[in-house]
C-alpha cells in the first residue's frame, strides 16, 4: 500500500517558523538514514524501556504540527525510560536532508531522528505491519517490547497518559 503524501510544499514547510512550538536546542540533533532491519534492532535493543516512534515526514502539515508533542514527551519522560524516535517514512526527503535537519533543530529534537533509505516496498511493508500507513502515526512499544495501539485520533494528553501508564509498569 502506497503512502499518501499531502500536497504541501516541502520548501514552504521548511521555511515556516515553529511559532510557540519552537524549542531551544538542548543537545546534538542529527538526522540519520536507516533501514527497516536497523530500526527493528534499535527497538529490540531498547527492550526494558518504553519506545515511542513518531512516523512522519516534513511534507505532511499535520505531521509538522504534531511533532512538538513528541519533543514534549521526550523532555518529560526520557529520564523515566521513554525512548522517543522520530522516523521520517518518506525516503524522497533524503534529498531535502538539510531542510529536515533544520526543522528538527528548531524543534530541539535531540533524540534519534531517522529516515528510511530502504526501497518503497520495504518501507510500505513496515508501515503496514505497524499500522503507520497514514501519517502522522505513533508506533508504541511497552517495556516488554510488545506493540501497543494508539489511536490516530488520540489527543496529546491521551498519548501522554498511555505513555505514563506504560512507564509505571516496571
N, C-alpha and C. Protein backbone atom coordinates (compact mmCIF):
# COMPACT_ATOMS: atom_id res chain seq x y z
N UNK A 1 0.85 -1.18 0.00
CA UNK A 1 0.00 0.00 0.00
C UNK A 1 0.89 1.24 0.00
N UNK A 2 0.64 2.13 -0.85
CA UNK A 2 1.47 3.32 -1.03
C UNK A 2 1.03 4.42 -0.06
N UNK A 3 2.00 5.09 0.55
CA UNK A 3 1.70 6.20 1.45
C UNK A 3 1.09 7.33 0.64
N UNK A 4 0.22 8.06 1.26
CA UNK A 4 -0.40 9.21 0.60
C UNK A 4 0.30 10.47 1.08
N UNK A 5 0.94 11.14 0.18
CA UNK A 5 1.64 12.37 0.53
C UNK A 5 0.70 13.55 0.34
N UNK A 6 0.67 14.45 1.30
CA UNK A 6 -0.15 15.64 1.18
C UNK A 6 0.53 16.62 0.23
N UNK A 7 -0.26 17.38 -0.46
CA UNK A 7 0.27 18.31 -1.45
C UNK A 7 0.73 19.61 -0.77
N UNK A 8 1.66 19.46 0.15
CA UNK A 8 2.21 20.61 0.85
C UNK A 8 3.66 20.75 0.40
N UNK A 9 4.03 21.90 0.04
CA UNK A 9 5.40 22.11 -0.43
C UNK A 9 6.40 21.93 0.70
N UNK A 10 7.37 21.06 0.47
CA UNK A 10 8.42 20.82 1.46
C UNK A 10 9.16 22.13 1.73
N UNK A 11 9.42 22.87 0.70
CA UNK A 11 10.15 24.12 0.88
C UNK A 11 9.36 25.10 1.74
N UNK A 12 8.05 25.16 1.57
CA UNK A 12 7.22 26.06 2.34
C UNK A 12 7.24 25.66 3.82
N UNK A 13 7.08 24.38 4.10
CA UNK A 13 7.07 23.90 5.48
C UNK A 13 8.42 24.17 6.12
N UNK A 14 9.50 23.91 5.41
CA UNK A 14 10.84 24.05 5.98
C UNK A 14 11.16 25.49 6.33
N UNK A 15 10.56 26.44 5.63
CA UNK A 15 10.87 27.84 5.92
C UNK A 15 9.90 28.46 6.90
N UNK A 16 8.83 27.72 7.25
CA UNK A 16 7.88 28.24 8.23
C UNK A 16 8.53 28.23 9.60
N UNK A 17 8.24 29.22 10.40
CA UNK A 17 8.69 29.22 11.79
C UNK A 17 7.88 28.20 12.56
N UNK A 18 8.38 27.80 13.69
CA UNK A 18 7.69 26.82 14.50
C UNK A 18 6.82 27.48 15.55
N UNK A 19 6.79 28.82 15.58
CA UNK A 19 5.92 29.53 16.49
C UNK A 19 6.14 29.14 17.93
N UNK A 20 5.03 28.98 18.66
CA UNK A 20 5.10 28.66 20.08
C UNK A 20 5.77 27.31 20.32
N UNK A 21 5.74 26.44 19.31
CA UNK A 21 6.34 25.13 19.47
C UNK A 21 7.85 25.12 19.29
N UNK A 22 8.42 26.25 18.92
CA UNK A 22 9.86 26.30 18.68
C UNK A 22 10.61 26.11 19.99
N UNK A 23 11.67 25.32 19.98
CA UNK A 23 12.40 24.99 21.19
C UNK A 23 13.88 25.28 21.00
N UNK A 24 14.49 25.60 22.11
CA UNK A 24 15.94 25.78 22.08
C UNK A 24 16.58 24.40 21.96
N UNK A 25 17.63 24.33 21.21
CA UNK A 25 18.34 23.06 21.05
C UNK A 25 19.07 22.74 22.35
N UNK A 26 18.74 21.60 22.96
CA UNK A 26 19.34 21.23 24.24
C UNK A 26 20.42 20.18 24.10
N UNK A 27 20.66 19.70 22.92
CA UNK A 27 21.68 18.69 22.69
C UNK A 27 21.90 18.55 21.21
N UNK A 28 22.82 17.67 20.82
CA UNK A 28 23.07 17.50 19.39
C UNK A 28 21.85 16.89 18.70
N UNK A 29 21.50 17.44 17.58
CA UNK A 29 20.39 16.93 16.78
C UNK A 29 20.96 16.41 15.48
N UNK A 30 20.70 15.13 15.22
CA UNK A 30 21.19 14.50 14.00
C UNK A 30 20.02 13.91 13.23
N UNK A 31 20.24 13.67 11.97
CA UNK A 31 19.23 13.08 11.09
C UNK A 31 19.96 12.01 10.28
N UNK A 32 19.67 10.75 10.60
CA UNK A 32 20.43 9.64 10.00
C UNK A 32 19.55 8.74 9.16
N UNK A 33 20.15 8.20 8.12
CA UNK A 33 19.47 7.22 7.28
C UNK A 33 19.51 5.86 7.98
N UNK A 34 18.43 5.09 7.83
CA UNK A 34 18.35 3.78 8.45
C UNK A 34 17.60 2.82 7.54
N UNK A 35 17.71 1.56 7.87
CA UNK A 35 16.95 0.53 7.17
C UNK A 35 15.90 -0.01 8.12
N UNK A 36 14.94 -0.73 7.58
CA UNK A 36 13.93 -1.39 8.40
C UNK A 36 14.61 -2.33 9.40
N UNK A 37 15.59 -3.10 8.94
CA UNK A 37 16.30 -4.03 9.82
C UNK A 37 17.00 -3.30 10.96
N UNK A 38 17.64 -2.17 10.66
CA UNK A 38 18.32 -1.40 11.71
C UNK A 38 17.32 -0.84 12.72
N UNK A 39 16.17 -0.39 12.24
CA UNK A 39 15.14 0.13 13.15
C UNK A 39 14.61 -0.99 14.04
N UNK A 40 14.36 -2.15 13.46
CA UNK A 40 13.88 -3.29 14.25
C UNK A 40 14.90 -3.64 15.34
N UNK A 41 16.18 -3.57 15.02
CA UNK A 41 17.23 -3.85 16.01
C UNK A 41 17.22 -2.77 17.10
N UNK A 42 17.06 -1.52 16.73
CA UNK A 42 17.01 -0.43 17.70
C UNK A 42 15.85 -0.63 18.68
N UNK A 43 14.71 -1.04 18.16
CA UNK A 43 13.55 -1.30 19.02
C UNK A 43 13.89 -2.45 19.98
N UNK A 44 14.43 -3.53 19.46
CA UNK A 44 14.78 -4.69 20.29
C UNK A 44 15.84 -4.33 21.34
N UNK A 45 16.81 -3.50 20.96
CA UNK A 45 17.88 -3.10 21.88
C UNK A 45 17.35 -2.26 23.04
N UNK A 46 16.17 -1.68 22.89
CA UNK A 46 15.59 -0.84 23.94
C UNK A 46 14.52 -1.57 24.74
N UNK A 47 14.50 -2.90 24.64
CA UNK A 47 13.59 -3.68 25.47
C UNK A 47 13.89 -3.36 26.93
N UNK A 48 12.86 -3.18 27.73
CA UNK A 48 13.02 -2.74 29.11
C UNK A 48 12.68 -1.27 29.26
N UNK A 49 12.58 -0.58 28.13
CA UNK A 49 12.16 0.82 28.10
C UNK A 49 10.88 0.90 27.28
N UNK A 50 10.21 2.03 27.37
CA UNK A 50 9.05 2.29 26.53
C UNK A 50 9.56 3.03 25.31
N UNK A 51 9.21 2.55 24.12
CA UNK A 51 9.69 3.15 22.87
C UNK A 51 8.50 3.75 22.12
N UNK A 52 8.61 5.03 21.80
CA UNK A 52 7.58 5.73 21.04
C UNK A 52 8.19 6.25 19.75
N UNK A 53 7.68 5.75 18.64
CA UNK A 53 8.15 6.17 17.31
C UNK A 53 7.09 7.06 16.69
N UNK A 54 7.50 8.21 16.23
CA UNK A 54 6.61 9.12 15.51
C UNK A 54 6.93 8.98 14.02
N UNK A 55 6.01 8.34 13.28
CA UNK A 55 6.16 8.19 11.82
C UNK A 55 5.61 9.46 11.17
N UNK A 56 6.46 10.15 10.46
CA UNK A 56 6.11 11.47 9.93
C UNK A 56 6.94 11.77 8.70
N UNK A 57 6.68 12.91 8.09
CA UNK A 57 7.59 13.47 7.08
C UNK A 57 7.32 14.96 6.97
N UNK A 58 8.30 15.70 6.53
CA UNK A 58 8.25 17.16 6.51
C UNK A 58 7.16 17.70 5.59
N UNK A 59 6.87 17.01 4.51
CA UNK A 59 5.85 17.47 3.57
C UNK A 59 4.43 17.22 4.04
N UNK A 60 4.25 16.75 5.26
CA UNK A 60 2.94 16.45 5.84
C UNK A 60 2.63 17.51 6.90
N UNK A 61 1.73 18.44 6.58
CA UNK A 61 1.42 19.53 7.51
C UNK A 61 0.94 19.03 8.87
N UNK A 62 0.05 18.03 8.95
CA UNK A 62 -0.35 17.52 10.27
C UNK A 62 0.83 16.92 11.04
N UNK A 63 1.77 16.32 10.34
CA UNK A 63 2.96 15.76 10.99
C UNK A 63 3.78 16.86 11.64
N UNK A 64 3.99 17.94 10.92
CA UNK A 64 4.77 19.07 11.40
C UNK A 64 4.08 19.70 12.61
N UNK A 65 2.77 19.81 12.54
CA UNK A 65 2.00 20.40 13.64
C UNK A 65 2.08 19.52 14.89
N UNK A 66 2.06 18.21 14.71
CA UNK A 66 2.04 17.27 15.83
C UNK A 66 3.43 17.01 16.41
N UNK A 67 4.48 17.26 15.66
CA UNK A 67 5.84 16.91 16.06
C UNK A 67 6.24 17.43 17.44
N UNK A 68 5.91 18.68 17.80
CA UNK A 68 6.31 19.17 19.13
C UNK A 68 5.81 18.30 20.28
N UNK A 69 4.74 17.56 20.08
CA UNK A 69 4.24 16.67 21.13
C UNK A 69 5.28 15.59 21.46
N UNK A 70 5.95 15.08 20.44
CA UNK A 70 6.99 14.07 20.66
C UNK A 70 8.14 14.66 21.48
N UNK A 71 8.52 15.86 21.14
CA UNK A 71 9.60 16.53 21.88
C UNK A 71 9.19 16.74 23.33
N UNK A 72 7.94 17.16 23.55
CA UNK A 72 7.45 17.36 24.92
C UNK A 72 7.50 16.06 25.71
N UNK A 73 7.08 14.97 25.10
CA UNK A 73 7.11 13.67 25.80
C UNK A 73 8.55 13.28 26.14
N UNK A 74 9.44 13.51 25.20
CA UNK A 74 10.86 13.21 25.44
C UNK A 74 11.38 14.00 26.64
N UNK A 75 11.09 15.29 26.66
CA UNK A 75 11.56 16.15 27.75
C UNK A 75 11.00 15.68 29.09
N UNK A 76 9.72 15.33 29.10
CA UNK A 76 9.06 14.94 30.35
C UNK A 76 9.47 13.56 30.86
N UNK A 77 9.70 12.61 29.95
CA UNK A 77 9.78 11.22 30.38
C UNK A 77 11.04 10.44 30.01
N UNK A 78 12.00 11.06 29.36
CA UNK A 78 13.21 10.32 28.97
C UNK A 78 13.92 9.73 30.19
N UNK A 79 13.99 10.48 31.26
CA UNK A 79 14.68 10.00 32.47
C UNK A 79 13.94 8.83 33.13
N UNK A 80 12.66 8.67 32.80
CA UNK A 80 11.87 7.58 33.37
C UNK A 80 11.89 6.33 32.49
N UNK A 81 12.57 6.43 31.35
CA UNK A 81 12.69 5.25 30.50
C UNK A 81 11.95 5.32 29.18
N UNK A 82 11.54 6.51 28.76
CA UNK A 82 10.90 6.67 27.45
C UNK A 82 11.96 6.95 26.41
N UNK A 83 11.94 6.17 25.34
CA UNK A 83 12.84 6.38 24.20
C UNK A 83 11.97 6.90 23.06
N UNK A 84 12.19 8.14 22.67
CA UNK A 84 11.47 8.73 21.55
C UNK A 84 12.32 8.64 20.30
N UNK A 85 11.68 8.28 19.20
CA UNK A 85 12.36 8.17 17.91
C UNK A 85 11.48 8.85 16.87
N UNK A 86 12.06 9.78 16.13
CA UNK A 86 11.31 10.33 15.01
C UNK A 86 11.75 9.57 13.76
N UNK A 87 10.77 9.10 13.03
CA UNK A 87 11.04 8.28 11.85
C UNK A 87 10.39 8.91 10.63
N UNK A 88 11.21 9.49 9.78
CA UNK A 88 10.72 10.03 8.53
C UNK A 88 10.50 8.85 7.58
N UNK A 89 9.25 8.65 7.18
CA UNK A 89 8.89 7.48 6.38
C UNK A 89 8.80 7.80 4.89
N UNK A 90 9.32 8.94 4.51
CA UNK A 90 9.24 9.37 3.12
C UNK A 90 10.67 9.46 2.56
N UNK A 91 11.21 8.35 2.04
CA UNK A 91 12.62 8.33 1.61
C UNK A 91 13.02 9.44 0.66
N UNK A 92 12.06 9.98 -0.07
CA UNK A 92 12.37 11.06 -1.01
C UNK A 92 12.91 12.29 -0.29
N UNK A 93 12.61 12.42 1.02
CA UNK A 93 13.09 13.59 1.76
C UNK A 93 14.57 13.50 2.11
N UNK A 94 15.22 12.41 1.76
CA UNK A 94 16.68 12.35 1.90
C UNK A 94 17.29 13.48 1.06
N UNK A 95 16.66 13.78 -0.08
CA UNK A 95 17.14 14.86 -0.94
C UNK A 95 17.00 16.22 -0.26
N UNK A 96 16.10 16.30 0.75
CA UNK A 96 15.85 17.55 1.48
C UNK A 96 16.45 17.48 2.89
N UNK A 97 17.50 16.68 3.04
CA UNK A 97 18.07 16.39 4.35
C UNK A 97 18.38 17.66 5.16
N UNK A 98 18.94 18.68 4.53
CA UNK A 98 19.27 19.91 5.24
C UNK A 98 18.03 20.62 5.77
N UNK A 99 16.96 20.62 5.00
CA UNK A 99 15.71 21.26 5.44
C UNK A 99 15.09 20.48 6.60
N UNK A 100 15.14 19.16 6.50
CA UNK A 100 14.60 18.33 7.57
C UNK A 100 15.41 18.55 8.83
N UNK A 101 16.74 18.54 8.72
CA UNK A 101 17.60 18.74 9.88
C UNK A 101 17.36 20.13 10.50
N UNK A 102 17.17 21.12 9.69
CA UNK A 102 16.88 22.47 10.19
C UNK A 102 15.59 22.46 11.02
N UNK A 103 14.56 21.80 10.51
CA UNK A 103 13.30 21.68 11.24
C UNK A 103 13.52 20.97 12.58
N UNK A 104 14.24 19.84 12.55
CA UNK A 104 14.48 19.07 13.77
C UNK A 104 15.25 19.88 14.80
N UNK A 105 16.21 20.66 14.37
CA UNK A 105 16.98 21.51 15.29
C UNK A 105 16.09 22.58 15.91
N UNK A 106 15.22 23.19 15.10
CA UNK A 106 14.30 24.20 15.64
C UNK A 106 13.38 23.60 16.70
N UNK A 107 13.06 22.34 16.53
CA UNK A 107 12.18 21.66 17.49
C UNK A 107 12.92 21.21 18.74
N UNK A 108 14.25 21.16 18.69
CA UNK A 108 15.03 20.65 19.82
C UNK A 108 14.92 19.14 19.92
N UNK A 109 14.85 18.47 18.79
CA UNK A 109 14.65 17.01 18.72
C UNK A 109 15.97 16.28 18.93
N UNK A 110 16.44 16.27 20.18
CA UNK A 110 17.74 15.66 20.48
C UNK A 110 17.59 14.19 20.90
N UNK A 111 16.92 13.45 20.07
CA UNK A 111 16.75 12.00 20.20
C UNK A 111 16.96 11.42 18.82
N UNK A 112 16.93 10.11 18.65
CA UNK A 112 17.16 9.56 17.29
C UNK A 112 16.13 10.07 16.28
N UNK A 113 16.64 10.67 15.22
CA UNK A 113 15.84 11.15 14.10
C UNK A 113 16.31 10.39 12.87
N UNK A 114 15.45 9.52 12.39
CA UNK A 114 15.82 8.59 11.33
C UNK A 114 14.98 8.79 10.09
N UNK A 115 15.52 8.38 8.97
CA UNK A 115 14.77 8.36 7.71
C UNK A 115 15.09 7.05 7.01
N UNK A 116 14.05 6.41 6.52
CA UNK A 116 14.26 5.16 5.81
C UNK A 116 15.02 5.40 4.52
N UNK A 117 15.99 4.52 4.27
CA UNK A 117 16.70 4.55 3.00
C UNK A 117 16.38 3.31 2.18
N UNK A 118 15.50 2.46 2.72
CA UNK A 118 15.09 1.26 2.01
C UNK A 118 14.22 1.61 0.80
N UNK A 119 13.99 0.63 -0.04
CA UNK A 119 13.10 0.84 -1.17
C UNK A 119 11.65 0.96 -0.68
N UNK A 120 10.79 1.47 -1.56
CA UNK A 120 9.39 1.72 -1.21
C UNK A 120 8.69 0.48 -0.67
N UNK A 121 8.97 -0.68 -1.22
CA UNK A 121 8.31 -1.92 -0.79
C UNK A 121 8.61 -2.21 0.67
N UNK A 122 9.87 -2.11 1.09
CA UNK A 122 10.23 -2.38 2.48
C UNK A 122 9.60 -1.35 3.41
N UNK A 123 9.62 -0.09 3.02
CA UNK A 123 9.02 0.97 3.83
C UNK A 123 7.52 0.74 3.96
N UNK A 124 6.87 0.46 2.83
CA UNK A 124 5.43 0.21 2.85
C UNK A 124 5.09 -1.00 3.72
N UNK A 125 5.88 -2.05 3.63
CA UNK A 125 5.65 -3.25 4.45
C UNK A 125 5.78 -2.93 5.93
N UNK A 126 6.80 -2.13 6.29
CA UNK A 126 6.98 -1.74 7.69
C UNK A 126 5.78 -0.93 8.17
N UNK A 127 5.37 0.04 7.36
CA UNK A 127 4.24 0.89 7.74
C UNK A 127 2.96 0.07 7.90
N UNK A 128 2.77 -0.88 7.01
CA UNK A 128 1.58 -1.72 7.10
C UNK A 128 1.64 -2.60 8.34
N UNK A 129 2.79 -3.19 8.61
CA UNK A 129 2.97 -4.06 9.77
C UNK A 129 2.63 -3.34 11.07
N UNK A 130 3.02 -2.07 11.17
CA UNK A 130 2.82 -1.31 12.40
C UNK A 130 1.68 -0.30 12.32
N UNK A 131 0.81 -0.46 11.34
CA UNK A 131 -0.36 0.40 11.19
C UNK A 131 0.03 1.88 11.17
N UNK A 132 1.06 2.17 10.41
CA UNK A 132 1.53 3.55 10.27
C UNK A 132 1.50 3.96 8.80
N UNK A 133 0.47 3.51 8.10
CA UNK A 133 0.36 3.76 6.66
C UNK A 133 0.06 5.22 6.38
N UNK A 134 -0.82 5.81 7.19
CA UNK A 134 -1.07 7.24 7.02
C UNK A 134 -0.32 7.99 8.11
N UNK A 135 0.17 9.14 7.77
CA UNK A 135 0.94 9.93 8.72
C UNK A 135 0.14 11.17 9.11
N UNK A 136 0.40 11.69 10.29
CA UNK A 136 1.31 11.21 11.31
C UNK A 136 0.76 9.97 12.03
N UNK A 137 1.67 9.18 12.56
CA UNK A 137 1.26 7.98 13.30
C UNK A 137 2.29 7.69 14.39
N UNK A 138 1.80 7.24 15.53
CA UNK A 138 2.69 6.78 16.59
C UNK A 138 2.73 5.26 16.57
N UNK A 139 3.92 4.72 16.79
CA UNK A 139 4.12 3.29 16.97
C UNK A 139 4.75 3.16 18.36
N UNK A 140 4.08 2.43 19.24
CA UNK A 140 4.47 2.39 20.65
C UNK A 140 4.75 0.96 21.10
N UNK A 141 5.82 0.80 21.88
CA UNK A 141 6.19 -0.49 22.44
C UNK A 141 6.35 -0.34 23.95
N UNK A 142 5.82 -1.33 24.70
CA UNK A 142 5.97 -1.30 26.15
C UNK A 142 7.35 -1.84 26.54
N UNK A 143 7.58 -1.95 27.83
CA UNK A 143 8.89 -2.38 28.34
C UNK A 143 9.23 -3.81 27.93
N UNK A 144 8.22 -4.61 27.62
CA UNK A 144 8.44 -5.99 27.18
C UNK A 144 8.73 -6.08 25.68
N UNK A 145 8.63 -4.94 25.02
CA UNK A 145 8.85 -4.92 23.57
C UNK A 145 7.60 -5.25 22.78
N UNK A 146 6.45 -5.25 23.46
CA UNK A 146 5.18 -5.56 22.79
C UNK A 146 4.54 -4.28 22.27
N UNK A 147 4.01 -4.37 21.09
CA UNK A 147 3.36 -3.23 20.44
C UNK A 147 2.07 -2.88 21.14
N UNK A 148 1.85 -1.62 21.40
CA UNK A 148 0.63 -1.09 21.99
C UNK A 148 0.00 -0.14 20.98
N UNK A 149 -1.29 -0.21 20.87
CA UNK A 149 -2.01 0.59 19.87
C UNK A 149 -2.36 1.97 20.44
N UNK A 150 -2.09 2.98 19.65
CA UNK A 150 -2.52 4.35 19.96
C UNK A 150 -3.39 4.79 18.79
N UNK A 151 -4.59 5.21 19.09
CA UNK A 151 -5.50 5.69 18.05
C UNK A 151 -4.88 6.88 17.32
N UNK A 152 -5.06 6.90 16.02
CA UNK A 152 -4.55 8.05 15.26
C UNK A 152 -5.27 9.34 15.64
N UNK A 153 -6.43 9.20 16.30
CA UNK A 153 -7.19 10.38 16.73
C UNK A 153 -6.88 10.78 18.17
N UNK A 154 -5.97 10.08 18.82
CA UNK A 154 -5.65 10.38 20.21
C UNK A 154 -5.08 11.79 20.34
N UNK A 155 -5.57 12.50 21.31
CA UNK A 155 -5.08 13.84 21.60
C UNK A 155 -3.76 13.73 22.38
N UNK A 156 -2.94 14.80 22.37
CA UNK A 156 -1.66 14.74 23.07
C UNK A 156 -1.77 14.30 24.53
N UNK A 157 -2.81 14.76 25.23
CA UNK A 157 -2.98 14.39 26.63
C UNK A 157 -3.25 12.89 26.77
N UNK A 158 -3.99 12.32 25.83
CA UNK A 158 -4.28 10.88 25.86
C UNK A 158 -3.01 10.07 25.61
N UNK A 159 -2.21 10.50 24.67
CA UNK A 159 -0.95 9.82 24.39
C UNK A 159 -0.06 9.88 25.62
N UNK A 160 0.00 11.04 26.26
CA UNK A 160 0.81 11.19 27.47
C UNK A 160 0.33 10.23 28.57
N UNK A 161 -0.96 10.09 28.74
CA UNK A 161 -1.49 9.18 29.76
C UNK A 161 -1.12 7.73 29.47
N UNK A 162 -1.20 7.34 28.21
CA UNK A 162 -0.82 5.98 27.82
C UNK A 162 0.66 5.75 28.11
N UNK A 163 1.49 6.70 27.75
CA UNK A 163 2.93 6.60 27.99
C UNK A 163 3.20 6.51 29.49
N UNK A 164 2.55 7.34 30.30
CA UNK A 164 2.73 7.31 31.76
C UNK A 164 2.41 5.94 32.32
N UNK A 165 1.29 5.37 31.89
CA UNK A 165 0.89 4.04 32.39
C UNK A 165 1.92 2.98 32.03
N UNK A 166 2.43 3.04 30.81
CA UNK A 166 3.44 2.07 30.39
C UNK A 166 4.75 2.25 31.16
N UNK A 167 5.10 3.48 31.46
CA UNK A 167 6.32 3.74 32.22
C UNK A 167 6.17 3.26 33.66
N UNK A 168 4.98 3.37 34.22
CA UNK A 168 4.74 2.92 35.59
C UNK A 168 4.80 1.41 35.74
N UNK A 169 4.50 0.70 34.65
CA UNK A 169 4.54 -0.77 34.68
C UNK A 169 5.99 -1.21 34.56
N UNK A 170 6.57 -1.62 35.65
CA UNK A 170 8.00 -1.97 35.64
C UNK A 170 8.22 -3.42 35.40
